[in-house]
Amino acid sequence: MTLLTVSELREHVQTSLVDDALERLLDDAEASIVKHAGDLADVTEFVDGGGPTLVLRRRADSITSVVESFGVGDVTLATNDWRARGAYVLERLRTGTNPRSSWRGPVQVVYEPEDDTATRKIVQLDLIKLEIANNPGLAAETVGSWTQQYLTNSSRTLADSRGDVLSRLREPGIW
């Protein structure tokens, strides 16, 4: 999935970079977003069982399937075997088709993650703005009567700033 096009990027960023260069920046930023926060497609997650609740890594918009695995095989649970508590937590129910008080074995949960496309687009823009503004080692440049100088008193690196931007895609305390 492409988050932003070059035309959409140009609505937010003024630059003399050609379209091919901007496309590379868009691709890199989107790859970083997917690596950091996962794809927007359905998620298959394996969570250790053993307790009465499971915590998912991402906010679930809807649960597609839940499968418990243990010594005798896999059991696909009915929707009355578990309950969603909020967007992250699944609770195992003592009632239902396959009643149990705790999750057994590794549990495979397939779900549709919450759509955070709008946030991903802003993060992509911010990552590209960082890349365009980054001039490592440039203290001063003079061409004729024109002078450009970048000074900073910050010890923060580009990687630190990228991490801050990408952190908008995860809620604190979940990972």
Protein backbone atom coordinates (compact mmCIF):
# COMPACT_ATOMS: atom_id res chain seq x y z
CA MET A 1 0.00 0.00 0.00
CA THR A 2 1.29 3.44 -0.86
CA LEU A 3 0.61 5.98 1.83
CA LEU A 4 1.48 9.18 -0.03
CA THR A 5 2.19 10.04 -3.64
CA VAL A 6 4.87 12.47 -4.77
CA SER A 7 2.13 15.02 -5.58
CA GLU A 8 0.68 14.73 -2.07
CA LEU A 9 4.17 15.08 -0.59
CA ARG A 10 4.74 18.27 -2.57
CA GLU A 11 1.59 19.75 -0.96
CA HIS A 12 3.43 19.63 2.39
CA VAL A 13 7.11 19.96 1.51
CA GLN A 14 8.77 22.54 -0.71
CA THR A 15 11.95 21.14 -2.20
CA SER A 16 13.97 21.23 -5.39
CA LEU A 17 14.39 17.45 -5.33
CA VAL A 18 13.15 15.69 -8.46
CA ASP A 19 10.23 13.25 -8.34
CA ASP A 20 12.46 10.15 -8.47
CA ALA A 21 14.40 11.32 -5.41
CA LEU A 22 11.17 12.04 -3.54
CA GLU A 23 9.81 8.62 -4.49
CA ARG A 24 12.90 7.02 -2.93
CA LEU A 25 12.34 9.03 0.25
CA LEU A 26 8.66 8.01 0.29
CA ASP A 27 9.58 4.33 -0.16
CA ASP A 28 12.21 4.46 2.59
CA ALA A 29 9.87 6.19 5.04
CA GLU A 30 7.06 3.75 4.33
CA ALA A 31 9.38 0.76 4.77
CA SER A 32 10.49 2.18 8.13
CA ILE A 33 6.86 2.59 9.19
CA VAL A 34 5.97 -1.00 8.26
CA LYS A 35 9.10 -2.33 9.98
CA HIS A 36 8.30 -0.36 13.13
CA ALA A 37 4.52 -0.73 13.35
CA GLY A 38 3.56 -3.56 11.02
CA ASP A 39 1.49 -3.64 7.86
CA LEU A 40 -2.11 -2.47 7.63
CA ALA A 41 -3.20 -5.91 6.39
CA ASP A 42 -4.54 -8.64 8.69
CA VAL A 43 -2.11 -9.61 11.44
CA THR A 44 -1.30 -13.17 12.53
CA GLU A 45 0.18 -13.08 16.00
CA PHE A 46 1.34 -15.92 18.24
CA VAL A 47 0.91 -15.21 21.95
CA ASP A 48 2.00 -17.44 24.83
CA GLY A 49 -0.88 -18.94 26.77
CA GLY A 50 -0.99 -19.91 30.41
CA GLY A 51 -3.05 -17.15 31.94
CA PRO A 52 -6.64 -15.93 31.70
CA THR A 53 -5.78 -13.06 29.31
CA LEU A 54 -3.73 -12.43 26.17
CA VAL A 55 -2.32 -9.05 25.21
CA LEU A 56 -1.97 -8.27 21.51
CA ARG A 57 0.86 -6.12 20.17
CA ARG A 58 -1.46 -3.87 18.16
CA ARG A 59 -4.96 -2.48 18.61
CA ALA A 60 -7.42 -4.90 17.04
CA ASP A 61 -10.36 -3.56 15.10
CA SER A 62 -11.85 -7.05 14.73
CA ILE A 63 -10.75 -10.60 15.53
CA THR A 64 -10.85 -13.07 12.63
CA SER A 65 -9.82 -16.30 14.41
CA VAL A 66 -8.31 -17.63 17.61
CA VAL A 67 -6.56 -21.02 17.65
CA GLU A 68 -5.07 -22.73 20.71
CA SER A 69 -2.22 -25.21 20.12
CA PHE A 70 -1.26 -27.93 22.55
CA GLY A 71 -0.19 -31.59 22.73
CA VAL A 72 -3.25 -33.17 21.14
CA GLY A 73 -3.57 -30.63 18.31
CA ASP A 74 -5.02 -27.29 17.43
CA VAL A 75 -8.46 -26.09 18.49
CA THR A 76 -10.13 -23.24 16.65
CA LEU A 77 -12.12 -21.44 19.30
CA ALA A 78 -15.68 -20.29 18.87
CA THR A 79 -16.43 -16.63 19.50
CA ASN A 80 -18.18 -17.62 22.74
CA ASP A 81 -14.89 -19.06 24.12
CA TRP A 82 -13.24 -15.66 24.52
CA ARG A 83 -14.11 -12.00 24.99
CA ALA A 84 -12.32 -8.87 23.82
CA ARG A 85 -11.58 -6.47 26.66
CA GLY A 86 -10.71 -3.25 24.90
CA ALA A 87 -8.62 -3.22 21.75
CA TYR A 88 -5.60 -5.18 23.05
CA VAL A 89 -6.78 -7.85 25.50
CA LEU A 90 -8.54 -11.18 24.93
CA GLU A 91 -10.01 -12.96 27.94
CA ARG A 92 -10.50 -16.75 27.98
CA LEU A 93 -14.01 -17.67 29.11
CA ARG A 94 -15.07 -20.58 31.32
CA THR A 95 -18.27 -20.80 29.33
CA GLY A 96 -18.78 -21.42 25.65
CA THR A 97 -18.12 -24.25 23.21
CA ASN A 98 -14.57 -24.93 24.52
CA PRO A 99 -14.61 -23.65 28.11
CA ARG A 100 -11.31 -23.05 29.97
CA SER A 101 -10.13 -20.70 32.68
CA SER A 102 -6.79 -20.02 30.97
CA TRP A 103 -5.24 -20.01 27.50
CA ARG A 104 -3.53 -23.25 26.51
CA GLY A 105 -0.25 -23.41 24.55
CA PRO A 106 0.77 -20.83 22.02
CA VAL A 107 -2.34 -19.06 20.76
CA GLN A 108 -2.62 -17.92 17.15
CA VAL A 109 -4.73 -14.78 16.85
CA VAL A 110 -5.61 -13.43 13.41
CA TYR A 111 -7.06 -9.93 13.49
CA GLU A 112 -7.59 -6.77 11.53
CA PRO A 113 -5.56 -4.00 13.15
CA GLU A 114 -7.06 -0.62 13.83
CA ASP A 115 -6.70 1.66 10.80
CA ASP A 116 -4.04 4.25 11.59
CA THR A 117 -3.48 5.42 8.02
CA ALA A 118 -3.83 9.11 8.88
CA THR A 119 -1.12 8.88 11.54
CA ARG A 120 1.10 6.86 9.18
CA LYS A 121 0.84 9.62 6.56
CA ILE A 122 1.91 12.30 9.04
CA VAL A 123 4.76 10.09 10.26
CA GLN A 124 5.84 9.53 6.65
CA LEU A 125 5.85 13.31 6.04
CA ASP A 126 7.84 13.95 9.21
CA LEU A 127 10.43 11.28 8.35
CA ILE A 128 10.93 12.82 4.91
CA LYS A 129 11.22 16.33 6.36
CA LEU A 130 13.94 15.02 8.69
CA GLU A 131 15.84 13.44 5.79
CA ILE A 132 15.63 16.60 3.67
CA ALA A 133 16.71 18.84 6.55
CA ASN A 134 19.56 16.55 7.64
CA ASN A 135 22.97 17.92 6.68
CA PRO A 136 25.50 15.99 8.75
CA GLY A 137 28.80 17.75 9.15
CA LEU A 138 27.75 20.96 7.39
CA ALA A 139 28.82 23.87 9.55
CA ALA A 140 28.93 26.53 6.85
CA GLU A 141 28.78 26.80 3.07
CA THR A 142 29.44 29.91 0.97
CA VAL A 143 28.69 30.31 -2.73
CA GLY A 144 29.41 33.83 -3.97
CA SER A 145 27.58 36.24 -1.70
CA TRP A 146 25.25 33.53 -0.39
CA THR A 147 26.08 31.78 2.90
CA GLN A 148 24.35 28.83 4.54
CA GLN A 149 25.17 27.75 8.08
CA TYR A 150 23.75 25.01 10.28
CA LEU A 151 24.61 24.94 13.92
CA THR A 152 23.02 22.92 16.63
CA ASN A 153 23.64 22.53 20.32
CA SER A 154 21.81 19.23 20.38
CA SER A 155 23.51 15.86 20.74
CA ARG A 156 20.50 14.14 19.17
CA THR A 157 21.20 12.20 16.02
CA LEU A 158 19.03 11.66 12.97
CA ALA A 159 18.32 8.14 14.25
CA ASP A 160 17.09 9.60 17.57
CA SER A 161 14.76 11.98 15.75
CA ARG A 162 13.47 9.21 13.46
CA GLY A 163 12.76 7.06 16.53
CA ASP A 164 10.76 9.90 18.08
CA VAL A 165 8.68 10.29 14.92
CA LEU A 166 8.06 6.53 14.57
CA SER A 167 7.05 6.25 18.23
CA ARG A 168 3.77 8.01 17.34
CA LEU A 169 2.64 4.68 15.84
CA ARG A 170 2.82 2.83 19.16
CA GLU A 171 1.17 3.52 22.43
CA PRO A 172 3.41 3.82 25.50
CA GLY A 173 3.68 0.72 27.70
CA ILE A 174 2.44 -1.77 25.09
CA TRP A 175 5.82 -2.93 23.76
